Amino acid sequence: MKIDFANIDFKKEPAFKGGDGVFSVKTAGDKACKIMYGRLEKGCSIGMHRHEGSCEAIYVTRGEGRMSYEGEEQILRAGDCHYCGEGKAHSFRNDGDEPLEFFAVVPAFSE
């Protein structure tokens, strides 16, 4: 299945997962796997959240941000990938000077 993110509109999610500002996201997939292209403007964030019954892989395509993961902070830049395993928690903040854009895949685990 081809996913053409160029023809999917951004949906604005204010205070996403308790974060600051607005998370703009294009979403595809189904209940088994969510596929997203996201954007955080300068100063915006996705709040701390735990992946229960899922995991998440994030690939940064533009900008720079700070990932908080299980009590540690890492700077992610375009070309970097982050993985948050099942049962782990993370948050993501754009504290750079340009929009932070990334591709994320969240597969749900079946029982």
PDB file of N, CA and C in Angstrom:
ATOM      1  N   MET A   1       0.846  -1.181   0.000  1.00  0.00           N
ATOM      2  CA  MET A   1       0.000   0.000   0.000  1.00  0.00           C
ATOM      3  C   MET A   1       0.886   1.237   0.000  1.00  0.00           C
ATOM      4  N   LYS A   2       0.639   2.131  -0.912  1.00  0.00           N
ATOM      5  CA  LYS A   2       1.372   3.394  -0.977  1.00  0.00           C
ATOM      6  C   LYS A   2       0.681   4.413  -0.077  1.00  0.00           C
ATOM      7  N   ILE A   3       1.483   5.122   0.695  1.00  0.00           N
ATOM      8  CA  ILE A   3       0.961   6.223   1.515  1.00  0.00           C
ATOM      9  C   ILE A   3       1.558   7.501   0.966  1.00  0.00           C
ATOM     10  N   ASP A   4       0.724   8.376   0.440  1.00  0.00           N
ATOM     11  CA  ASP A   4       1.165   9.622  -0.173  1.00  0.00           C
ATOM     12  C   ASP A   4       0.927  10.765   0.808  1.00  0.00           C
ATOM     13  N   PHE A   5       1.905  10.995   1.699  1.00  0.00           N
ATOM     14  CA  PHE A   5       1.754  12.040   2.702  1.00  0.00           C
ATOM     15  C   PHE A   5       1.584  13.429   2.083  1.00  0.00           C
ATOM     16  N   ALA A   6       2.023  13.614   0.829  1.00  0.00           N
ATOM     17  CA  ALA A   6       1.857  14.904   0.161  1.00  0.00           C
ATOM     18  C   ALA A   6       0.383  15.243  -0.034  1.00  0.00           C
ATOM     19  N   ASN A   7      -0.471  14.216  -0.072  1.00  0.00           N
ATOM     20  CA  ASN A   7      -1.904  14.438  -0.275  1.00  0.00           C
ATOM     21  C   ASN A   7      -2.727  14.195   0.988  1.00  0.00           C
ATOM     22  N   ILE A   8      -2.091  14.184   2.131  1.00  0.00           N
ATOM     23  CA  ILE A   8      -2.787  14.084   3.416  1.00  0.00           C
ATOM     24  C   ILE A   8      -2.573  15.402   4.153  1.00  0.00           C
ATOM     25  N   ASP A   9      -3.648  15.997   4.625  1.00  0.00           N
ATOM     26  CA  ASP A   9      -3.546  17.270   5.341  1.00  0.00           C
ATOM     27  C   ASP A   9      -3.028  17.066   6.763  1.00  0.00           C
ATOM     28  N   PHE A  10      -2.289  18.065   7.254  1.00  0.00           N
ATOM     29  CA  PHE A  10      -1.884  18.054   8.653  1.00  0.00           C
ATOM     30  C   PHE A  10      -3.105  18.262   9.539  1.00  0.00           C
ATOM     31  N   LYS A  11      -3.180  17.508  10.612  1.00  0.00           N
ATOM     32  CA  LYS A  11      -4.188  17.708  11.653  1.00  0.00           C
ATOM     33  C   LYS A  11      -3.462  18.326  12.837  1.00  0.00           C
ATOM     34  N   LYS A  12      -4.028  19.359  13.400  1.00  0.00           N
ATOM     35  CA  LYS A  12      -3.391  20.040  14.531  1.00  0.00           C
ATOM     36  C   LYS A  12      -3.879  19.440  15.845  1.00  0.00           C
ATOM     37  N   GLU A  13      -2.925  19.027  16.683  1.00  0.00           N
ATOM     38  CA  GLU A  13      -3.207  18.412  17.980  1.00  0.00           C
ATOM     39  C   GLU A  13      -2.625  19.299  19.077  1.00  0.00           C
ATOM     40  N   PRO A  14      -3.443  20.183  19.677  1.00  0.00           N
ATOM     41  CA  PRO A  14      -2.931  21.037  20.756  1.00  0.00           C
ATOM     42  C   PRO A  14      -2.600  20.208  22.002  1.00  0.00           C
ATOM     43  N   ALA A  15      -1.507  20.572  22.672  1.00  0.00           N
ATOM     44  CA  ALA A  15      -1.090  19.932  23.933  1.00  0.00           C
ATOM     45  C   ALA A  15      -1.088  18.408  23.820  1.00  0.00           C
ATOM     46  N   PHE A  16      -0.539  17.882  22.722  1.00  0.00           N
ATOM     47  CA  PHE A  16      -0.546  16.442  22.462  1.00  0.00           C
ATOM     48  C   PHE A  16       0.198  15.689  23.560  1.00  0.00           C
ATOM     49  N   LYS A  17      -0.468  14.726  24.167  1.00  0.00           N
ATOM     50  CA  LYS A  17       0.085  13.914  25.268  1.00  0.00           C
ATOM     51  C   LYS A  17       0.561  14.802  26.422  1.00  0.00           C
ATOM     52  N   GLY A  18      -0.052  15.992  26.569  1.00  0.00           N
ATOM     53  CA  GLY A  18       0.330  16.908  27.633  1.00  0.00           C
ATOM     54  C   GLY A  18       1.489  17.822  27.277  1.00  0.00           C
ATOM     55  N   GLY A  19       1.858  17.861  26.003  1.00  0.00           N
ATOM     56  CA  GLY A  19       2.981  18.688  25.561  1.00  0.00           C
ATOM     57  C   GLY A  19       2.608  20.153  25.429  1.00  0.00           C
ATOM     58  N   ASP A  20       3.578  20.950  25.013  1.00  0.00           N
ATOM     59  CA  ASP A  20       3.411  22.395  24.818  1.00  0.00           C
ATOM     60  C   ASP A  20       3.106  22.709  23.363  1.00  0.00           C
ATOM     61  N   GLY A  21       2.270  23.702  23.136  1.00  0.00           N
ATOM     62  CA  GLY A  21       1.986  24.143  21.780  1.00  0.00           C
ATOM     63  C   GLY A  21       1.174  23.135  20.999  1.00  0.00           C
ATOM     64  N   VAL A  22       1.427  23.091  19.696  1.00  0.00           N
ATOM     65  CA  VAL A  22       0.649  22.271  18.770  1.00  0.00           C
ATOM     66  C   VAL A  22       1.554  21.270  18.061  1.00  0.00           C
ATOM     67  N   PHE A  23       1.096  20.028  17.988  1.00  0.00           N
ATOM     68  CA  PHE A  23       1.739  18.980  17.192  1.00  0.00           C
ATOM     69  C   PHE A  23       0.908  18.848  15.924  1.00  0.00           C
ATOM     70  N   SER A  24       1.530  19.054  14.772  1.00  0.00           N
ATOM     71  CA  SER A  24       0.855  18.882  13.487  1.00  0.00           C
ATOM     72  C   SER A  24       1.226  17.514  12.946  1.00  0.00           C
ATOM     73  N   VAL A  25       0.210  16.733  12.549  1.00  0.00           N
ATOM     74  CA  VAL A  25       0.491  15.350  12.165  1.00  0.00           C
ATOM     75  C   VAL A  25      -0.370  14.901  10.986  1.00  0.00           C
ATOM     76  N   LYS A  26       0.254  14.145  10.093  1.00  0.00           N
ATOM     77  CA  LYS A  26      -0.432  13.451   9.010  1.00  0.00           C
ATOM     78  C   LYS A  26      -0.406  11.985   9.403  1.00  0.00           C
ATOM     79  N   THR A  27      -1.574  11.328   9.395  1.00  0.00           N
ATOM     80  CA  THR A  27      -1.662   9.958   9.895  1.00  0.00           C
ATOM     81  C   THR A  27      -2.240   9.027   8.840  1.00  0.00           C
ATOM     82  N   ALA A  28      -1.667   7.819   8.796  1.00  0.00           N
ATOM     83  CA  ALA A  28      -2.168   6.756   7.922  1.00  0.00           C
ATOM     84  C   ALA A  28      -2.069   5.444   8.694  1.00  0.00           C
ATOM     85  N   GLY A  29      -2.545   4.377   8.098  1.00  0.00           N
ATOM     86  CA  GLY A  29      -2.480   3.064   8.724  1.00  0.00           C
ATOM     87  C   GLY A  29      -3.820   2.652   9.300  1.00  0.00           C
ATOM     88  N   ASP A  30      -3.761   1.702  10.251  1.00  0.00           N
ATOM     89  CA  ASP A  30      -4.974   1.176  10.859  1.00  0.00           C
ATOM     90  C   ASP A  30      -4.697   0.862  12.327  1.00  0.00           C
ATOM     91  N   LYS A  31      -5.596   0.112  12.971  1.00  0.00           N
ATOM     92  CA  LYS A  31      -5.428  -0.156  14.401  1.00  0.00           C
ATOM     93  C   LYS A  31      -4.216  -1.038  14.690  1.00  0.00           C
ATOM     94  N   ALA A  32      -3.718  -1.765  13.699  1.00  0.00           N
ATOM     95  CA  ALA A  32      -2.545  -2.626  13.890  1.00  0.00           C
ATOM     96  C   ALA A  32      -1.237  -1.843  13.803  1.00  0.00           C
ATOM     97  N   CYS A  33      -1.238  -0.740  13.051  1.00  0.00           N
ATOM     98  CA  CYS A  33      -0.010   0.040  12.886  1.00  0.00           C
ATOM     99  C   CYS A  33      -0.344   1.456  12.437  1.00  0.00           C
ATOM    100  N   LYS A  34       0.066   2.427  13.243  1.00  0.00           N
ATOM    101  CA  LYS A  34      -0.141   3.833  12.914  1.00  0.00           C
ATOM    102  C   LYS A  34       1.153   4.366  12.302  1.00  0.00           C
ATOM    103  N   ILE A  35       1.028   5.054  11.171  1.00  0.00           N
ATOM    104  CA  ILE A  35       2.163   5.628  10.467  1.00  0.00           C
ATOM    105  C   ILE A  35       1.919   7.130  10.382  1.00  0.00           C
ATOM    106  N   MET A  36       2.909   7.914  10.840  1.00  0.00           N
ATOM    107  CA  MET A  36       2.700   9.358  10.963  1.00  0.00           C
ATOM    108  C   MET A  36       3.869  10.148  10.389  1.00  0.00           C
ATOM    109  N   TYR A  37       3.544  11.321   9.864  1.00  0.00           N
ATOM    110  CA  TYR A  37       4.541  12.328   9.544  1.00  0.00           C
ATOM    111  C   TYR A  37       4.198  13.533  10.406  1.00  0.00           C
ATOM    112  N   GLY A  38       5.095  13.883  11.324  1.00  0.00           N
ATOM    113  CA  GLY A  38       4.786  14.924  12.292  1.00  0.00           C
ATOM    114  C   GLY A  38       5.665  16.142  12.169  1.00  0.00           C
ATOM    115  N   ARG A  39       5.136  17.271  12.690  1.00  0.00           N
ATOM    116  CA  ARG A  39       5.882  18.527  12.715  1.00  0.00           C
ATOM    117  C   ARG A  39       5.658  19.214  14.060  1.00  0.00           C
ATOM    118  N   LEU A  40       6.772  19.624  14.664  1.00  0.00           N
ATOM    119  CA  LEU A  40       6.738  20.455  15.868  1.00  0.00           C
ATOM    120  C   LEU A  40       7.437  21.769  15.540  1.00  0.00           C
ATOM    121  N   GLU A  41       6.713  22.871  15.692  1.00  0.00           N
ATOM    122  CA  GLU A  41       7.329  24.180  15.499  1.00  0.00           C
ATOM    123  C   GLU A  41       8.222  24.480  16.704  1.00  0.00           C
ATOM    124  N   LYS A  42       9.072  25.482  16.582  1.00  0.00           N
ATOM    125  CA  LYS A  42       9.986  25.891  17.649  1.00  0.00           C
ATOM    126  C   LYS A  42       9.224  26.065  18.967  1.00  0.00           C
ATOM    127  N   GLY A  43       9.711  25.439  20.034  1.00  0.00           N
ATOM    128  CA  GLY A  43       9.107  25.552  21.358  1.00  0.00           C
ATOM    129  C   GLY A  43       7.970  24.578  21.632  1.00  0.00           C
ATOM    130  N   CYS A  44       7.536  23.830  20.638  1.00  0.00           N
ATOM    131  CA  CYS A  44       6.429  22.878  20.829  1.00  0.00           C
ATOM    132  C   CYS A  44       6.974  21.496  21.204  1.00  0.00           C
ATOM    133  N   SER A  45       6.110  20.703  21.847  1.00  0.00           N
ATOM    134  CA  SER A  45       6.550  19.375  22.270  1.00  0.00           C
ATOM    135  C   SER A  45       5.404  18.378  22.277  1.00  0.00           C
ATOM    136  N   ILE A  46       5.801  17.110  22.313  1.00  0.00           N
ATOM    137  CA  ILE A  46       4.897  15.992  22.595  1.00  0.00           C
ATOM    138  C   ILE A  46       5.215  15.589  24.029  1.00  0.00           C
ATOM    139  N   GLY A  47       4.208  15.530  24.880  1.00  0.00           N
ATOM    140  CA  GLY A  47       4.428  15.252  26.294  1.00  0.00           C
ATOM    141  C   GLY A  47       4.891  13.829  26.566  1.00  0.00           C
ATOM    142  N   MET A  48       5.392  13.625  27.773  1.00  0.00           N
ATOM    143  CA  MET A  48       5.866  12.307  28.201  1.00  0.00           C
ATOM    144  C   MET A  48       4.700  11.318  28.158  1.00  0.00           C
ATOM    145  N   HIS A  49       4.936  10.178  27.533  1.00  0.00           N
ATOM    146  CA  HIS A  49       3.921   9.129  27.456  1.00  0.00           C
ATOM    147  C   HIS A  49       4.603   7.765  27.387  1.00  0.00           C
ATOM    148  N   ARG A  50       3.926   6.765  27.883  1.00  0.00           N
ATOM    149  CA  ARG A  50       4.448   5.398  27.947  1.00  0.00           C
ATOM    150  C   ARG A  50       3.762   4.549  26.878  1.00  0.00           C
ATOM    151  N   HIS A  51       4.532   3.716  26.221  1.00  0.00           N
ATOM    152  CA  HIS A  51       3.985   2.814  25.204  1.00  0.00           C
ATOM    153  C   HIS A  51       3.614   1.480  25.850  1.00  0.00           C
ATOM    154  N   GLU A  52       2.338   1.314  26.107  1.00  0.00           N
ATOM    155  CA  GLU A  52       1.792   0.065  26.648  1.00  0.00           C
ATOM    156  C   GLU A  52       1.071  -0.633  25.503  1.00  0.00           C
ATOM    157  N   GLY A  53       1.528  -1.807  25.128  1.00  0.00           N
ATOM    158  CA  GLY A  53       0.911  -2.544  24.027  1.00  0.00           C
ATOM    159  C   GLY A  53       1.357  -2.079  22.661  1.00  0.00           C
ATOM    160  N   SER A  54       2.396  -1.239  22.621  1.00  0.00           N
ATOM    161  CA  SER A  54       2.947  -0.769  21.350  1.00  0.00           C
ATOM    162  C   SER A  54       4.399  -0.362  21.568  1.00  0.00           C
ATOM    163  N   CYS A  55       5.041   0.012  20.477  1.00  0.00           N
ATOM    164  CA  CYS A  55       6.374   0.590  20.523  1.00  0.00           C
ATOM    165  C   CYS A  55       6.367   1.711  19.479  1.00  0.00           C
ATOM    166  N   GLU A  56       7.493   2.421  19.328  1.00  0.00           N
ATOM    167  CA  GLU A  56       7.531   3.494  18.334  1.00  0.00           C
ATOM    168  C   GLU A  56       8.944   3.679  17.814  1.00  0.00           C
ATOM    169  N   ALA A  57       9.046   3.816  16.498  1.00  0.00           N
ATOM    170  CA  ALA A  57      10.303   4.186  15.853  1.00  0.00           C
ATOM    171  C   ALA A  57      10.103   5.554  15.214  1.00  0.00           C
ATOM    172  N   ILE A  58      11.047   6.458  15.451  1.00  0.00           N
ATOM    173  CA  ILE A  58      10.982   7.825  14.931  1.00  0.00           C
ATOM    174  C   ILE A  58      12.243   8.107  14.128  1.00  0.00           C
ATOM    175  N   TYR A  59      12.068   8.622  12.908  1.00  0.00           N
ATOM    176  CA  TYR A  59      13.182   9.017  12.055  1.00  0.00           C
ATOM    177  C   TYR A  59      13.040  10.510  11.765  1.00  0.00           C
ATOM    178  N   VAL A  60      14.027  11.299  12.179  1.00  0.00           N
ATOM    179  CA  VAL A  60      13.979  12.753  12.000  1.00  0.00           C
ATOM    180  C   VAL A  60      14.393  13.107  10.576  1.00  0.00           C
ATOM    181  N   THR A  61      13.551  13.887   9.903  1.00  0.00           N
ATOM    182  CA  THR A  61      13.820  14.280   8.519  1.00  0.00           C
ATOM    183  C   THR A  61      14.266  15.737   8.389  1.00  0.00           C
ATOM    184  N   ARG A  62      13.972  16.561   9.417  1.00  0.00           N
ATOM    185  CA  ARG A  62      14.322  17.980   9.355  1.00  0.00           C
ATOM    186  C   ARG A  62      14.424  18.535  10.760  1.00  0.00           C
ATOM    187  N   GLY A  63      15.395  19.387  10.991  1.00  0.00           N
ATOM    188  CA  GLY A  63      15.496  20.095  12.258  1.00  0.00           C
ATOM    189  C   GLY A  63      16.253  19.333  13.326  1.00  0.00           C
ATOM    190  N   GLU A  64      16.040  19.784  14.554  1.00  0.00           N
ATOM    191  CA  GLU A  64      16.736  19.232  15.719  1.00  0.00           C
ATOM    192  C   GLU A  64      15.824  19.326  16.929  1.00  0.00           C
ATOM    193  N   GLY A  65      15.846  18.296  17.774  1.00  0.00           N
ATOM    194  CA  GLY A  65      15.008  18.309  18.967  1.00  0.00           C
ATOM    195  C   GLY A  65      15.630  17.510  20.090  1.00  0.00           C
ATOM    196  N   ARG A  66      15.012  17.634  21.258  1.00  0.00           N
ATOM    197  CA  ARG A  66      15.483  16.939  22.454  1.00  0.00           C
ATOM    198  C   ARG A  66      14.494  15.840  22.806  1.00  0.00           C
ATOM    199  N   MET A  67      14.995  14.604  22.804  1.00  0.00           N
ATOM    200  CA  MET A  67      14.192  13.447  23.161  1.00  0.00           C
ATOM    201  C   MET A  67      14.502  13.087  24.609  1.00  0.00           C
ATOM    202  N   SER A  68      13.478  13.041  25.448  1.00  0.00           N
ATOM    203  CA  SER A  68      13.631  12.528  26.816  1.00  0.00           C
ATOM    204  C   SER A  68      13.142  11.089  26.783  1.00  0.00           C
ATOM    205  N   TYR A  69      14.012  10.176  27.221  1.00  0.00           N
ATOM    206  CA  TYR A  69      13.706   8.751  27.136  1.00  0.00           C
ATOM    207  C   TYR A  69      14.190   8.061  28.402  1.00  0.00           C
ATOM    208  N   GLU A  70      13.237   7.580  29.189  1.00  0.00           N
ATOM    209  CA  GLU A  70      13.559   6.812  30.385  1.00  0.00           C
ATOM    210  C   GLU A  70      14.586   7.534  31.268  1.00  0.00           C
ATOM    211  N   GLY A  71      14.366   8.837  31.480  1.00  0.00           N
ATOM    212  CA  GLY A  71      15.216   9.612  32.379  1.00  0.00           C
ATOM    213  C   GLY A  71      16.484  10.174  31.759  1.00  0.00           C
ATOM    214  N   GLU A  72      16.730   9.912  30.495  1.00  0.00           N
ATOM    215  CA  GLU A  72      17.905  10.449  29.805  1.00  0.00           C
ATOM    216  C   GLU A  72      17.449  11.360  28.671  1.00  0.00           C
ATOM    217  N   GLU A  73      18.292  12.344  28.336  1.00  0.00           N
ATOM    218  CA  GLU A  73      17.984  13.238  27.224  1.00  0.00           C
ATOM    219  C   GLU A  73      19.008  13.058  26.122  1.00  0.00           C
ATOM    220  N   GLN A  74      18.504  13.077  24.891  1.00  0.00           N
ATOM    221  CA  GLN A  74      19.355  12.946  23.717  1.00  0.00           C
ATOM    222  C   GLN A  74      18.935  13.993  22.705  1.00  0.00           C
ATOM    223  N   ILE A  75      19.902  14.563  21.990  1.00  0.00           N
ATOM    224  CA  ILE A  75      19.605  15.474  20.891  1.00  0.00           C
ATOM    225  C   ILE A  75      19.466  14.633  19.626  1.00  0.00           C
ATOM    226  N   LEU A  76      18.366  14.819  18.920  1.00  0.00           N
ATOM    227  CA  LEU A  76      18.141  14.136  17.646  1.00  0.00           C
ATOM    228  C   LEU A  76      18.126  15.177  16.535  1.00  0.00           C
ATOM    229  N   ARG A  77      18.827  14.865  15.449  1.00  0.00           N
ATOM    230  CA  ARG A  77      18.910  15.743  14.283  1.00  0.00           C
ATOM    231  C   ARG A  77      18.469  14.974  13.038  1.00  0.00           C
ATOM    232  N   ALA A  78      18.257  15.705  11.955  1.00  0.00           N
ATOM    233  CA  ALA A  78      17.891  15.067  10.690  1.00  0.00           C
ATOM    234  C   ALA A  78      18.849  13.920  10.401  1.00  0.00           C
ATOM    235  N   GLY A  79      18.280  12.748  10.127  1.00  0.00           N
ATOM    236  CA  GLY A  79      19.058  11.543   9.852  1.00  0.00           C
ATOM    237  C   GLY A  79      19.169  10.613  11.048  1.00  0.00           C
ATOM    238  N   ASP A  80      18.792  11.095  12.248  1.00  0.00           N
ATOM    239  CA  ASP A  80      18.831  10.254  13.447  1.00  0.00           C
ATOM    240  C   ASP A  80      17.533   9.476  13.606  1.00  0.00           C
ATOM    241  N   CYS A  81      17.638   8.313  14.245  1.00  0.00           N
ATOM    242  CA  CYS A  81      16.487   7.466  14.518  1.00  0.00           C
ATOM    243  C   CYS A  81      16.414   7.192  16.016  1.00  0.00           C
ATOM    244  N   HIS A  82      15.208   7.156  16.552  1.00  0.00           N
ATOM    245  CA  HIS A  82      14.960   6.853  17.971  1.00  0.00           C
ATOM    246  C   HIS A  82      13.976   5.694  18.038  1.00  0.00           C
ATOM    247  N   TYR A  83      14.211   4.789  18.992  1.00  0.00           N
ATOM    248  CA  TYR A  83      13.296   3.680  19.221  1.00  0.00           C
ATOM    249  C   TYR A  83      12.837   3.705  20.669  1.00  0.00           C
ATOM    250  N   CYS A  84      11.527   3.619  20.878  1.00  0.00           N
ATOM    251  CA  CYS A  84      10.938   3.534  22.211  1.00  0.00           C
ATOM    252  C   CYS A  84      10.227   2.190  22.295  1.00  0.00           C
ATOM    253  N   GLY A  85      10.766   1.292  23.102  1.00  0.00           N
ATOM    254  CA  GLY A  85      10.211  -0.051  23.216  1.00  0.00           C
ATOM    255  C   GLY A  85       8.944  -0.111  24.048  1.00  0.00           C
ATOM    256  N   GLU A  86       8.270  -1.224  23.976  1.00  0.00           N
ATOM    257  CA  GLU A  86       7.043  -1.455  24.730  1.00  0.00           C
ATOM    258  C   GLU A  86       7.323  -1.308  26.230  1.00  0.00           C
ATOM    259  N   GLY A  87       6.454  -0.562  26.902  1.00  0.00           N
ATOM    260  CA  GLY A  87       6.607  -0.322  28.327  1.00  0.00           C
ATOM    261  C   GLY A  87       7.530   0.836  28.673  1.00  0.00           C
ATOM    262  N   LYS A  88       8.165   1.447  27.682  1.00  0.00           N
ATOM    263  CA  LYS A  88       9.092   2.568  27.904  1.00  0.00           C
ATOM    264  C   LYS A  88       8.372   3.891  27.651  1.00  0.00           C
ATOM    265  N   ALA A  89       8.943   4.984  28.211  1.00  0.00           N
ATOM    266  CA  ALA A  89       8.321   6.308  28.087  1.00  0.00           C
ATOM    267  C   ALA A  89       9.278   7.293  27.419  1.00  0.00           C
ATOM    268  N   HIS A  90       8.695   8.229  26.666  1.00  0.00           N
ATOM    269  CA  HIS A  90       9.496   9.279  26.032  1.00  0.00           C
ATOM    270  C   HIS A  90       8.663  10.523  25.776  1.00  0.00           C
ATOM    271  N   SER A  91       9.350  11.638  25.531  1.00  0.00           N
ATOM    272  CA  SER A  91       8.738  12.889  25.082  1.00  0.00           C
ATOM    273  C   SER A  91       9.708  13.527  24.095  1.00  0.00           C
ATOM    274  N   PHE A  92       9.203  14.472  23.290  1.00  0.00           N
ATOM    275  CA  PHE A  92      10.011  15.062  22.224  1.00  0.00           C
ATOM    276  C   PHE A  92       9.726  16.553  22.175  1.00  0.00           C
ATOM    277  N   ARG A  93      10.784  17.375  22.178  1.00  0.00           N
ATOM    278  CA  ARG A  93      10.643  18.830  22.177  1.00  0.00           C
ATOM    279  C   ARG A  93      11.506  19.448  21.078  1.00  0.00           C
ATOM    280  N   ASN A  94      10.909  20.405  20.369  1.00  0.00           N
ATOM    281  CA  ASN A  94      11.677  21.176  19.397  1.00  0.00           C
ATOM    282  C   ASN A  94      12.249  22.395  20.112  1.00  0.00           C
ATOM    283  N   ASP A  95      13.529  22.325  20.460  1.00  0.00           N
ATOM    284  CA  ASP A  95      14.171  23.506  21.027  1.00  0.00           C
ATOM    285  C   ASP A  95      15.212  24.048  20.054  1.00  0.00           C
ATOM    286  N   GLY A  96      15.052  23.686  18.773  1.00  0.00           N
ATOM    287  CA  GLY A  96      15.905  24.212  17.705  1.00  0.00           C
ATOM    288  C   GLY A  96      15.303  25.488  17.124  1.00  0.00           C
ATOM    289  N   ASP A  97      15.896  25.966  16.044  1.00  0.00           N
ATOM    290  CA  ASP A  97      15.475  27.229  15.425  1.00  0.00           C
ATOM    291  C   ASP A  97      14.572  27.064  14.217  1.00  0.00           C
ATOM    292  N   GLU A  98      14.328  25.831  13.786  1.00  0.00           N
ATOM    293  CA  GLU A  98      13.477  25.589  12.624  1.00  0.00           C
ATOM    294  C   GLU A  98      12.478  24.486  12.958  1.00  0.00           C
ATOM    295  N   PRO A  99      11.480  24.284  12.112  1.00  0.00           N
ATOM    296  CA  PRO A  99      10.532  23.199  12.377  1.00  0.00           C
ATOM    297  C   PRO A  99      11.254  21.856  12.492  1.00  0.00           C
ATOM    298  N   LEU A 100      10.770  21.026  13.395  1.00  0.00           N
ATOM    299  CA  LEU A 100      11.269  19.665  13.583  1.00  0.00           C
ATOM    300  C   LEU A 100      10.261  18.739  12.911  1.00  0.00           C
ATOM    301  N   GLU A 101      10.714  17.979  11.916  1.00  0.00           N
ATOM    302  CA  GLU A 101       9.822  17.075  11.207  1.00  0.00           C
ATOM    303  C   GLU A 101      10.360  15.660  11.300  1.00  0.00           C
ATOM    304  N   PHE A 102       9.447  14.711  11.412  1.00  0.00           N
ATOM    305  CA  PHE A 102       9.853  13.320  11.591  1.00  0.00           C
ATOM    306  C   PHE A 102       8.782  12.367  11.100  1.00  0.00           C
ATOM    307  N   PHE A 103       9.235  11.174  10.801  1.00  0.00           N
ATOM    308  CA  PHE A 103       8.401  10.061  10.372  1.00  0.00           C
ATOM    309  C   PHE A 103       8.351   9.092  11.546  1.00  0.00           C
ATOM    310  N   ALA A 104       7.174   8.618  11.925  1.00  0.00           N
ATOM    311  CA  ALA A 104       7.034   7.702  13.071  1.00  0.00           C
ATOM    312  C   ALA A 104       6.140   6.529  12.705  1.00  0.00           C
ATOM    313  N   VAL A 105       6.501   5.361  13.233  1.00  0.00           N
ATOM    314  CA  VAL A 105       5.719   4.147  13.046  1.00  0.00           C
ATOM    315  C   VAL A 105       5.429   3.566  14.427  1.00  0.00           C
ATOM    316  N   VAL A 106       4.130   3.316  14.711  1.00  0.00           N
ATOM    317  CA  VAL A 106       3.702   2.774  16.004  1.00  0.00           C
ATOM    318  C   VAL A 106       2.898   1.515  15.748  1.00  0.00           C
ATOM    319  N   PRO A 107       3.574   0.349  15.754  1.00  0.00           N
ATOM    320  CA  PRO A 107       2.817  -0.904  15.633  1.00  0.00           C
ATOM    321  C   PRO A 107       2.231  -1.298  16.981  1.00  0.00           C
ATOM    322  N   ALA A 108       1.013  -1.803  16.947  1.00  0.00           N
ATOM    323  CA  ALA A 108       0.357  -2.309  18.168  1.00  0.00           C
ATOM    324  C   ALA A 108       0.614  -3.799  18.268  1.00  0.00           C
ATOM    325  N   PHE A 109       0.886  -4.258  19.473  1.00  0.00           N
ATOM    326  CA  PHE A 109       1.130  -5.682  19.685  1.00  0.00           C
ATOM    327  C   PHE A 109      -0.201  -6.377  19.916  1.00  0.00           C
ATOM    328  N   SER A 110      -0.357  -7.531  19.307  1.00  0.00           N
ATOM    329  CA  SER A 110      -1.585  -8.305  19.538  1.00  0.00           C
ATOM    330  C   SER A 110      -1.373  -9.256  20.700  1.00  0.00           C
ATOM    331  N   GLU A 111      -2.452  -9.570  21.377  1.00  0.00           N
ATOM    332  CA  GLU A 111      -2.390 -10.447  22.555  1.00  0.00           C
ATOM    333  C   GLU A 111      -2.288 -11.887  22.127  1.00  0.00           C
TER     334      GLU A 111
END
